[in-house]
N, C-alpha and C. Protein backbone atom coordinates (compact mmCIF):
# COMPACT_ATOMS: atom_id res chain seq x y z
N MET A 1 -9.18 205.69 134.19
CA MET A 1 -8.09 206.68 135.04
C MET A 1 -6.93 206.49 134.66
N LEU A 2 -7.17 205.05 133.64
CA LEU A 2 -5.26 204.86 133.17
C LEU A 2 -5.39 206.13 132.26
N LEU A 3 -6.29 205.98 131.18
CA LEU A 3 -6.60 206.37 129.90
C LEU A 3 -6.38 208.52 130.41
N LEU A 4 -6.84 208.53 131.23
CA LEU A 4 -6.63 210.16 132.27
C LEU A 4 -4.99 210.29 132.20
N ILE A 5 -4.27 209.14 133.00
CA ILE A 5 -2.67 209.44 133.64
C ILE A 5 -2.49 209.09 131.98
N LEU A 6 -2.47 208.27 130.99
CA LEU A 6 -1.87 208.55 129.85
C LEU A 6 -1.79 209.41 129.15
N ALA A 7 -2.99 210.01 129.28
CA ALA A 7 -3.13 211.10 128.24
C ALA A 7 -2.31 212.36 128.74
N ILE A 8 -1.78 212.61 130.04
CA ILE A 8 -1.51 213.79 130.97
C ILE A 8 0.36 213.36 130.90
N VAL A 9 0.33 212.33 130.88
CA VAL A 9 1.70 211.46 130.87
C VAL A 9 2.79 212.03 129.02
N ILE A 10 1.50 211.75 128.22
CA ILE A 10 2.08 212.09 126.82
C ILE A 10 2.10 213.13 126.41
N ALA A 11 0.94 213.85 127.44
CA ALA A 11 1.15 215.55 127.15
C ALA A 11 2.72 216.10 127.86
N LEU A 12 3.01 215.68 128.19
CA LEU A 12 4.13 215.86 130.02
C LEU A 12 5.98 215.28 128.80
N VAL A 13 5.78 214.03 128.07
CA VAL A 13 6.60 213.80 127.59
C VAL A 13 7.02 214.96 126.11
N ALA A 14 5.53 214.99 125.94
CA ALA A 14 5.20 215.88 124.56
C ALA A 14 6.46 217.10 124.82
N TRP A 15 5.53 218.10 125.66
CA TRP A 15 5.77 219.48 126.44
C TRP A 15 7.78 218.97 126.40
N SER A 16 8.09 218.41 127.39
CA SER A 16 9.68 218.11 127.57
C SER A 16 10.32 218.01 126.00
N LEU A 17 10.03 217.04 125.22
CA LEU A 17 10.71 217.46 123.78
C LEU A 17 10.53 218.47 123.31
N ARG A 18 9.71 219.44 123.01
CA ARG A 18 9.84 220.73 122.67
C ARG A 18 10.11 221.12 123.70
N LEU A 19 10.62 220.99 124.55
CA LEU A 19 11.13 222.42 125.75
C LEU A 19 12.97 222.01 124.95
N MET A 20 12.89 220.45 125.11
CA MET A 20 14.60 220.17 124.42
C MET A 20 14.87 220.72 123.18
N GLU A 21 13.78 220.46 122.74
CA GLU A 21 14.42 220.68 120.60
C GLU A 21 14.85 222.83 120.84
N GLN A 22 14.25 223.29 121.72
CA GLN A 22 14.29 224.64 122.29
C GLN A 22 15.52 224.79 122.89
N ALA A 23 15.89 224.10 123.59
CA ALA A 23 16.97 224.25 123.64
C ALA A 23 18.37 223.66 123.36
N VAL A 24 18.29 223.16 122.39
CA VAL A 24 19.34 222.81 121.03
C VAL A 24 19.09 223.88 120.38
N LYS A 25 18.43 224.69 119.77
CA LYS A 25 18.84 225.52 118.91
C LYS A 25 19.21 226.49 119.62
N GLY A 26 18.32 227.09 120.77
CA GLY A 26 19.24 228.16 121.59
C GLY A 26 20.09 228.13 122.45
N GLN A 27 20.77 226.80 122.50
CA GLN A 27 21.61 226.21 123.07
C GLN A 27 21.96 226.60 125.00
N GLU A 28 20.63 226.57 125.57
CA GLU A 28 20.23 227.07 126.76
C GLU A 28 20.14 225.62 127.33
N PHE A 29 20.86 226.06 128.58
CA PHE A 29 21.11 224.72 129.56
C PHE A 29 19.84 224.88 130.23
N SER A 30 19.44 225.82 130.76
CA SER A 30 17.98 225.59 131.86
C SER A 30 16.74 225.27 131.08
N LEU A 31 16.72 225.49 129.79
CA LEU A 31 15.42 224.47 129.25
C LEU A 31 15.79 223.16 129.18
N MET A 32 16.96 222.65 128.34
CA MET A 32 17.64 221.41 128.71
C MET A 32 17.14 220.99 129.95
N LEU A 33 17.02 221.50 130.88
CA LEU A 33 17.20 221.47 132.27
C LEU A 33 15.63 221.12 132.76
N ALA A 34 14.80 222.28 132.54
CA ALA A 34 13.63 221.95 132.19
C ALA A 34 12.92 220.92 131.65
N GLY A 35 12.86 220.54 130.27
CA GLY A 35 12.48 218.90 129.74
C GLY A 35 13.01 218.22 130.51
N PHE A 36 14.23 217.95 130.73
CA PHE A 36 14.43 217.07 131.68
C PHE A 36 13.79 216.57 133.19
N LEU A 37 13.13 217.72 133.85
CA LEU A 37 12.28 217.86 135.06
C LEU A 37 11.30 217.47 134.84
N VAL A 38 11.06 217.99 133.78
CA VAL A 38 9.31 217.59 132.84
C VAL A 38 9.46 215.86 132.55
N ALA A 39 10.30 215.83 131.93
CA ALA A 39 10.20 214.11 131.22
C ALA A 39 10.73 213.31 132.50
N SER A 40 11.20 213.62 133.49
CA SER A 40 11.29 212.59 134.51
C SER A 40 10.21 212.78 135.37
N SER A 41 9.42 213.83 135.75
CA SER A 41 8.10 213.79 136.48
C SER A 41 7.09 212.67 135.78
N ALA A 42 6.86 212.49 133.95
CA ALA A 42 6.19 212.17 133.51
C ALA A 42 6.72 210.11 133.98
N ALA A 43 7.87 210.30 133.75
CA ALA A 43 8.28 208.89 134.62
C ALA A 43 8.03 208.36 135.72
N ALA A 44 7.99 209.39 136.79
CA ALA A 44 8.03 208.89 137.94
C ALA A 44 5.95 208.95 138.26
N MET A 45 5.32 209.54 137.47
CA MET A 45 3.81 209.17 137.18
C MET A 45 3.47 208.36 137.47
N MET A 46 4.24 207.51 135.86
CA MET A 46 4.13 206.09 135.78
C MET A 46 4.27 205.22 136.90
N ALA A 47 5.65 205.30 136.85
CA ALA A 47 5.80 204.65 137.89
C ALA A 47 5.27 204.31 139.56
N VAL A 48 5.11 205.27 139.73
CA VAL A 48 3.80 205.39 140.96
C VAL A 48 2.39 204.93 140.91
N TYR A 49 1.95 205.01 139.53
CA TYR A 49 0.97 204.12 139.27
C TYR A 49 0.83 203.06 139.29
N PHE A 50 1.95 202.55 138.66
CA PHE A 50 2.56 200.85 138.77
C PHE A 50 2.55 200.45 140.08
N LEU A 51 3.15 201.58 140.57
CA LEU A 51 3.19 200.65 142.17
C LEU A 51 2.19 200.62 143.04
N MET A 52 1.44 201.69 142.69
CA MET A 52 0.16 202.00 143.72
C MET A 52 -0.68 200.59 142.89
N GLY A 53 -0.87 200.28 141.60
CA GLY A 53 -1.68 199.30 141.69
C GLY A 53 -0.92 198.05 142.21
N ASN A 54 0.58 197.51 142.03
CA ASN A 54 0.44 196.43 142.87
C ASN A 54 0.44 196.68 143.90
N TYR A 55 0.42 197.32 144.63
CA TYR A 55 0.12 197.25 146.32
C TYR A 55 -0.99 197.38 146.70
N MET A 56 -1.94 197.32 145.56
CA MET A 56 -3.87 197.47 146.00
C MET A 56 -3.80 196.05 145.74
N VAL A 57 -3.56 195.46 144.54
CA VAL A 57 -3.82 193.94 144.52
C VAL A 57 -3.29 193.21 145.55
N TYR A 58 -1.92 193.96 146.17
CA TYR A 58 -1.40 192.70 147.16
C TYR A 58 -2.25 193.30 148.34
N ILE A 59 -2.59 194.44 148.68
CA ILE A 59 -3.45 194.72 150.28
C ILE A 59 -4.73 193.84 149.05
N ASN A 60 -5.72 193.29 149.02
CA ASN A 60 -6.59 192.85 148.41
C ASN A 60 -6.72 191.19 148.64
N GLN A 61 -5.33 190.88 148.12
CA GLN A 61 -5.11 189.18 147.76
C GLN A 61 -4.60 188.94 149.93
N ASN A 62 -3.95 189.75 150.58
CA ASN A 62 -3.96 189.10 151.88
C ASN A 62 -4.61 189.22 152.98
N PRO A 63 -4.77 187.53 153.51
CA PRO A 63 -6.24 187.83 153.84
C PRO A 63 -6.07 188.25 155.58
N ILE A 64 -5.09 188.66 155.80
CA ILE A 64 -4.95 188.46 157.30
C ILE A 64 -5.05 190.44 157.39
N SER A 65 -4.01 190.73 156.38
CA SER A 65 -5.08 192.15 156.22
C SER A 65 -6.37 192.72 155.85
N ALA A 66 -7.44 191.81 155.07
CA ALA A 66 -8.32 191.45 155.30
C ALA A 66 -9.33 191.59 156.46
N ALA A 67 -8.88 190.40 157.13
CA ALA A 67 -9.48 190.51 158.62
C ALA A 67 -8.99 191.23 159.50
N ARG A 68 -8.71 192.25 159.32
CA ARG A 68 -7.92 192.94 159.92
C ARG A 68 -8.53 193.78 160.03
N LEU A 69 -9.08 194.48 158.59
CA LEU A 69 -9.89 195.94 158.59
C LEU A 69 -10.99 195.41 159.02
N ASP A 70 -11.52 193.81 158.68
CA ASP A 70 -13.43 194.40 159.00
C ASP A 70 -12.87 193.76 160.97
N TYR A 71 -12.06 193.42 161.48
CA TYR A 71 -12.00 194.11 162.79
C TYR A 71 -12.05 194.93 163.32
N ILE A 72 -11.75 196.18 162.60
CA ILE A 72 -11.05 197.15 163.19
C ILE A 72 -12.28 198.57 162.43
N SER A 73 -13.16 197.81 161.53
CA SER A 73 -14.49 198.43 160.99
C SER A 73 -15.74 197.90 161.54
N THR A 74 -15.43 196.75 162.87
CA THR A 74 -16.83 196.37 163.05
C THR A 74 -16.60 196.45 164.97
N ALA A 75 -15.33 196.42 165.21
CA ALA A 75 -14.81 197.14 166.99
C ALA A 75 -15.44 198.10 166.77
N PHE A 76 -15.11 199.16 165.96
CA PHE A 76 -15.55 200.61 166.44
C PHE A 76 -16.60 201.14 165.77
N THR A 77 -17.36 200.39 164.95
CA THR A 77 -19.38 200.51 165.01
C THR A 77 -20.05 199.99 165.78
N GLU A 78 -19.66 198.97 166.38
CA GLU A 78 -20.95 197.64 166.95
C GLU A 78 -20.93 198.58 168.48
N GLY A 79 -19.44 198.79 169.23
CA GLY A 79 -18.91 199.07 170.35
C GLY A 79 -19.00 197.53 171.34
N ASP A 80 -18.64 196.75 170.68
CA ASP A 80 -18.86 195.61 171.33
C ASP A 80 -17.74 195.87 172.81
N ASP A 81 -17.34 194.05 173.14
CA ASP A 81 -15.92 193.68 173.58
C ASP A 81 -15.29 193.91 173.55
N LEU A 82 -15.03 194.18 171.88
CA LEU A 82 -13.60 194.21 171.26
C LEU A 82 -13.01 195.41 171.34
N THR A 83 -14.03 196.27 171.96
CA THR A 83 -13.48 197.44 172.11
C THR A 83 -11.87 197.75 172.89
N PRO A 84 -10.52 198.49 172.77
CA PRO A 84 -9.78 198.66 173.47
C PRO A 84 -10.34 199.11 175.05
N SER A 85 -10.10 198.48 175.78
CA SER A 85 -10.08 199.85 177.04
C SER A 85 -9.43 200.86 177.01
N TRP A 86 -8.40 201.54 176.61
CA TRP A 86 -7.99 203.21 176.66
C TRP A 86 -8.91 203.91 175.25
N LEU A 87 -9.79 202.93 175.00
CA LEU A 87 -10.70 203.71 174.37
C LEU A 87 -12.00 204.61 174.98
N ILE A 88 -12.35 203.10 175.79
CA ILE A 88 -13.20 203.83 176.78
C ILE A 88 -13.47 204.93 177.83
N GLU A 89 -14.34 205.74 177.89
CA GLU A 89 -14.07 207.08 178.89
C GLU A 89 -14.10 206.23 180.12
N ALA A 90 -13.79 207.29 181.05
CA ALA A 90 -13.11 207.03 182.28
C ALA A 90 -14.68 207.46 182.93
N ASP A 91 -15.21 206.39 183.69
CA ASP A 91 -16.22 206.94 184.95
C ASP A 91 -16.16 208.31 185.49
């Protein structure tokens, strides 16, 4: 997955550099702005990838959230007395 995202980011950076070169040659502000937006989207994509990776490690290492997820999955699948009263149908 990392290689795919890395390839996309490299392609976006190459595209933004090409746009910025054309902007300098033609002295066009719109191409420079487009190049900047493409480069910033590549940077944001990498930032989100690393932030999500750190978040998933945090969630998996947190014993309280793991126990809570186990409780939620068992409470709704087994139908035992752990089911909240507001989820039980009225007679």
